[in-house]
């Protein structure tokens, strides 16, 4: 379809996407609430919305970040390798 002006093209796109609004608004609310509960700032949440097209990727990222923070003491321990070596020596 040919549009005479850029504004006409823009409004045609808005009109075409209008049926998606009822599904986008609840998902945005759920994602926002989930981000706030996990301590993510509103700016970071909006930035992720711009970077990730897939909404499920946002939720997975929030979950992964939350899990990595709760297990960070174990995963990031500088003595983790040494502890594993000691356990292996005791077993062997």
N, C-alpha and C. Protein backbone atom coordinates (compact mmCIF):
# COMPACT_ATOMS: atom_id res chain seq x y z
N UNK A 1 0.84 -1.17 0.00
CA UNK A 1 0.00 0.00 0.00
C UNK A 1 0.89 1.25 0.00
N UNK A 2 0.60 2.17 -0.84
CA UNK A 2 1.37 3.40 -0.94
C UNK A 2 0.74 4.47 -0.06
N UNK A 3 1.59 5.15 0.69
CA UNK A 3 1.16 6.26 1.53
C UNK A 3 1.73 7.54 0.96
N UNK A 4 0.96 8.60 1.07
CA UNK A 4 1.39 9.88 0.53
C UNK A 4 2.39 10.59 1.44
N UNK A 5 2.23 10.44 2.74
CA UNK A 5 3.13 11.10 3.69
C UNK A 5 3.63 10.10 4.71
N UNK A 6 4.67 10.48 5.41
CA UNK A 6 5.20 9.62 6.47
C UNK A 6 4.21 9.49 7.62
N UNK A 7 3.51 10.56 7.91
CA UNK A 7 2.53 10.52 8.99
C UNK A 7 1.40 9.57 8.65
N UNK A 8 0.98 9.56 7.42
CA UNK A 8 -0.08 8.64 6.98
C UNK A 8 0.40 7.19 7.10
N UNK A 9 1.66 6.95 6.76
CA UNK A 9 2.22 5.60 6.90
C UNK A 9 2.29 5.19 8.37
N UNK A 10 2.71 6.12 9.22
CA UNK A 10 2.79 5.84 10.65
C UNK A 10 1.42 5.51 11.23
N UNK A 11 0.44 6.34 10.91
CA UNK A 11 -0.91 6.10 11.43
C UNK A 11 -1.51 4.80 10.88
N UNK A 12 -1.16 4.45 9.65
CA UNK A 12 -1.60 3.17 9.10
C UNK A 12 -1.01 2.00 9.89
N UNK A 13 0.25 2.13 10.29
CA UNK A 13 0.88 1.09 11.10
C UNK A 13 0.27 0.99 12.48
N UNK A 14 -0.03 2.14 13.07
CA UNK A 14 -0.68 2.16 14.39
C UNK A 14 -2.04 1.48 14.30
N UNK A 15 -2.79 1.81 13.27
CA UNK A 15 -4.11 1.21 13.09
C UNK A 15 -4.02 -0.30 12.89
N UNK A 16 -3.00 -0.74 12.17
CA UNK A 16 -2.82 -2.17 11.92
C UNK A 16 -2.49 -2.93 13.21
N UNK A 17 -1.73 -2.30 14.09
CA UNK A 17 -1.32 -2.97 15.34
C UNK A 17 -2.31 -2.82 16.49
N UNK A 18 -3.34 -2.07 16.32
CA UNK A 18 -4.33 -1.83 17.37
C UNK A 18 -4.91 -3.12 17.96
N UNK A 19 -5.19 -4.17 17.18
CA UNK A 19 -5.74 -5.39 17.79
C UNK A 19 -4.80 -6.08 18.78
N UNK A 20 -3.51 -5.76 18.74
CA UNK A 20 -2.56 -6.40 19.67
C UNK A 20 -2.56 -5.76 21.05
N UNK A 21 -3.11 -4.57 21.19
CA UNK A 21 -3.06 -3.83 22.46
C UNK A 21 -3.64 -4.60 23.64
N UNK A 22 -4.79 -5.29 23.51
CA UNK A 22 -5.32 -6.01 24.68
C UNK A 22 -4.38 -7.09 25.22
N UNK A 23 -3.51 -7.63 24.41
CA UNK A 23 -2.56 -8.62 24.90
C UNK A 23 -1.28 -8.02 25.42
N UNK A 24 -0.90 -6.86 24.92
CA UNK A 24 0.36 -6.23 25.30
C UNK A 24 0.26 -5.56 26.67
N UNK A 25 -0.84 -4.92 26.96
CA UNK A 25 -0.98 -4.18 28.23
C UNK A 25 -0.89 -5.11 29.44
N UNK A 26 -1.63 -6.22 29.50
CA UNK A 26 -1.48 -7.10 30.67
C UNK A 26 -0.07 -7.68 30.80
N UNK A 27 0.54 -8.02 29.68
CA UNK A 27 1.90 -8.56 29.75
C UNK A 27 2.87 -7.52 30.28
N UNK A 28 2.70 -6.27 29.86
CA UNK A 28 3.56 -5.20 30.37
C UNK A 28 3.39 -5.01 31.87
N UNK A 29 2.16 -5.12 32.35
CA UNK A 29 1.92 -5.00 33.79
C UNK A 29 2.58 -6.15 34.56
N UNK A 30 2.44 -7.36 34.05
CA UNK A 30 3.05 -8.52 34.71
C UNK A 30 4.57 -8.39 34.73
N UNK A 31 5.15 -8.00 33.62
CA UNK A 31 6.61 -7.84 33.55
C UNK A 31 7.08 -6.74 34.50
N UNK A 32 6.35 -5.64 34.55
CA UNK A 32 6.72 -4.55 35.45
C UNK A 32 6.65 -4.95 36.91
N UNK A 33 5.60 -5.64 37.29
CA UNK A 33 5.47 -6.10 38.68
C UNK A 33 6.57 -7.09 39.02
N UNK A 34 6.87 -7.99 38.11
CA UNK A 34 7.92 -8.98 38.34
C UNK A 34 9.28 -8.29 38.52
N UNK A 35 9.54 -7.29 37.69
CA UNK A 35 10.81 -6.57 37.79
C UNK A 35 10.92 -5.83 39.11
N UNK A 36 9.85 -5.18 39.53
CA UNK A 36 9.88 -4.43 40.79
C UNK A 36 10.08 -5.38 41.97
N UNK A 37 9.41 -6.53 41.94
CA UNK A 37 9.57 -7.50 43.03
C UNK A 37 10.99 -8.03 43.12
N UNK A 38 11.69 -8.07 41.98
CA UNK A 38 13.07 -8.57 41.97
C UNK A 38 14.09 -7.46 42.16
N UNK A 39 13.62 -6.23 42.37
CA UNK A 39 14.52 -5.13 42.66
C UNK A 39 15.16 -4.48 41.45
N UNK A 40 14.62 -4.67 40.28
CA UNK A 40 15.17 -4.06 39.07
C UNK A 40 14.57 -2.66 38.94
N UNK A 41 15.41 -1.71 38.59
CA UNK A 41 14.93 -0.33 38.48
C UNK A 41 14.01 -0.17 37.26
N UNK A 42 13.10 0.81 37.30
CA UNK A 42 12.23 1.04 36.15
C UNK A 42 12.99 1.34 34.87
N UNK A 43 14.09 2.08 34.97
CA UNK A 43 14.90 2.39 33.79
C UNK A 43 15.50 1.15 33.16
N UNK A 44 16.00 0.25 34.00
CA UNK A 44 16.56 -1.00 33.50
C UNK A 44 15.48 -1.85 32.85
N UNK A 45 14.32 -1.86 33.46
CA UNK A 45 13.20 -2.64 32.91
C UNK A 45 12.80 -2.11 31.54
N UNK A 46 12.71 -0.80 31.41
CA UNK A 46 12.37 -0.23 30.10
C UNK A 46 13.47 -0.48 29.08
N UNK A 47 14.72 -0.42 29.53
CA UNK A 47 15.83 -0.74 28.62
C UNK A 47 15.77 -2.17 28.13
N UNK A 48 15.43 -3.08 29.03
CA UNK A 48 15.30 -4.49 28.62
C UNK A 48 14.15 -4.66 27.64
N UNK A 49 13.08 -3.89 27.84
CA UNK A 49 11.95 -3.96 26.92
C UNK A 49 12.36 -3.53 25.53
N UNK A 50 13.23 -2.54 25.44
CA UNK A 50 13.70 -2.09 24.14
C UNK A 50 14.67 -3.09 23.51
N UNK A 51 15.48 -3.77 24.34
CA UNK A 51 16.47 -4.71 23.81
C UNK A 51 15.88 -6.06 23.44
N UNK A 52 14.99 -6.57 24.27
CA UNK A 52 14.41 -7.89 24.04
C UNK A 52 13.06 -7.75 23.37
N UNK A 53 12.91 -8.35 22.23
CA UNK A 53 11.60 -8.33 21.58
C UNK A 53 10.68 -9.36 22.22
N UNK A 54 11.24 -10.47 22.62
CA UNK A 54 10.46 -11.55 23.21
C UNK A 54 10.23 -11.28 24.69
N UNK A 55 8.97 -11.26 25.08
CA UNK A 55 8.64 -11.01 26.47
C UNK A 55 9.08 -12.13 27.39
N UNK A 56 9.06 -13.36 26.89
CA UNK A 56 9.48 -14.47 27.73
C UNK A 56 10.97 -14.37 28.03
N UNK A 57 11.75 -13.76 27.15
CA UNK A 57 13.18 -13.57 27.41
C UNK A 57 13.38 -12.61 28.58
N UNK A 58 12.52 -11.61 28.68
CA UNK A 58 12.61 -10.69 29.82
C UNK A 58 12.36 -11.43 31.12
N UNK A 59 11.30 -12.21 31.15
CA UNK A 59 10.97 -12.93 32.38
C UNK A 59 12.05 -13.94 32.73
N UNK A 60 12.59 -14.62 31.74
CA UNK A 60 13.68 -15.57 32.00
C UNK A 60 14.91 -14.85 32.52
N UNK A 61 15.19 -13.67 31.99
CA UNK A 61 16.34 -12.91 32.46
C UNK A 61 16.15 -12.48 33.90
N UNK A 62 14.96 -12.00 34.24
CA UNK A 62 14.68 -11.63 35.63
C UNK A 62 14.87 -12.82 36.55
N UNK A 63 14.38 -13.97 36.15
CA UNK A 63 14.49 -15.18 36.96
C UNK A 63 15.95 -15.60 37.09
N UNK A 64 16.69 -15.57 35.99
CA UNK A 64 18.10 -15.97 36.03
C UNK A 64 18.92 -15.03 36.90
N UNK A 65 18.67 -13.74 36.79
CA UNK A 65 19.41 -12.78 37.62
C UNK A 65 19.07 -13.00 39.09
N UNK A 66 17.81 -13.23 39.38
CA UNK A 66 17.40 -13.48 40.76
C UNK A 66 18.07 -14.74 41.30
N UNK A 67 18.10 -15.79 40.51
CA UNK A 67 18.71 -17.04 40.96
C UNK A 67 20.22 -16.89 41.12
N UNK A 68 20.87 -16.16 40.22
CA UNK A 68 22.31 -16.02 40.32
C UNK A 68 22.69 -15.19 41.54
N UNK A 69 21.86 -14.21 41.90
CA UNK A 69 22.15 -13.43 43.09
C UNK A 69 21.99 -14.26 44.35
N UNK A 70 21.00 -15.16 44.37
CA UNK A 70 20.78 -15.96 45.57
C UNK A 70 21.83 -17.05 45.73
N UNK A 71 22.46 -17.47 44.63
CA UNK A 71 23.47 -18.51 44.69
C UNK A 71 24.87 -17.95 44.48
N UNK A 72 25.01 -16.64 44.52
CA UNK A 72 26.28 -16.01 44.20
C UNK A 72 27.37 -16.40 45.19
N UNK A 73 27.04 -16.55 46.46
CA UNK A 73 28.05 -16.91 47.45
C UNK A 73 28.70 -18.24 47.11
N UNK A 74 27.89 -19.17 46.62
CA UNK A 74 28.43 -20.48 46.28
C UNK A 74 29.18 -20.44 44.95
N UNK A 75 28.58 -19.82 43.94
CA UNK A 75 29.17 -19.84 42.59
C UNK A 75 30.42 -19.00 42.48
N UNK A 76 30.47 -17.90 43.20
CA UNK A 76 31.57 -16.95 43.04
C UNK A 76 32.63 -17.11 44.11
N UNK A 77 32.56 -18.15 44.88
CA UNK A 77 33.51 -18.35 45.96
C UNK A 77 34.91 -18.60 45.38
N UNK A 78 35.91 -17.84 45.82
CA UNK A 78 37.26 -18.08 45.30
C UNK A 78 37.82 -19.42 45.75
N UNK A 79 37.27 -19.97 46.80
CA UNK A 79 37.76 -21.25 47.30
C UNK A 79 36.95 -22.43 46.80
N UNK A 80 36.07 -22.20 45.84
CA UNK A 80 35.22 -23.28 45.36
C UNK A 80 36.05 -24.41 44.76
N UNK A 81 37.01 -24.07 43.94
CA UNK A 81 37.83 -25.12 43.31
C UNK A 81 38.63 -25.86 44.36
N UNK A 82 39.18 -25.13 45.32
CA UNK A 82 39.97 -25.76 46.38
C UNK A 82 39.08 -26.69 47.21
N UNK A 83 37.85 -26.27 47.51
CA UNK A 83 36.93 -27.10 48.28
C UNK A 83 36.61 -28.39 47.52
N UNK A 84 36.43 -28.27 46.23
CA UNK A 84 36.14 -29.48 45.42
C UNK A 84 37.33 -30.41 45.42
N UNK A 85 38.54 -29.86 45.35
CA UNK A 85 39.75 -30.68 45.38
C UNK A 85 39.87 -31.43 46.71
N UNK A 86 39.56 -30.73 47.81
CA UNK A 86 39.65 -31.36 49.11
C UNK A 86 38.64 -32.47 49.27
N UNK A 87 37.42 -32.26 48.78
CA UNK A 87 36.40 -33.30 48.85
C UNK A 87 36.79 -34.50 48.02
N UNK A 88 37.36 -34.27 46.86
CA UNK A 88 37.79 -35.37 46.01
C UNK A 88 38.91 -36.15 46.66
N UNK A 89 39.81 -35.46 47.35
CA UNK A 89 40.93 -36.13 48.02
C UNK A 89 40.42 -36.99 49.18
N UNK A 90 39.40 -36.52 49.89
CA UNK A 90 38.85 -37.28 50.99
C UNK A 90 38.13 -38.53 50.50
N UNK A 91 37.46 -38.42 49.36
CA UNK A 91 36.75 -39.56 48.81
C UNK A 91 37.69 -40.59 48.18
N UNK A 92 38.77 -40.12 47.63
CA UNK A 92 39.68 -40.99 46.88
C UNK A 92 40.78 -41.49 47.69
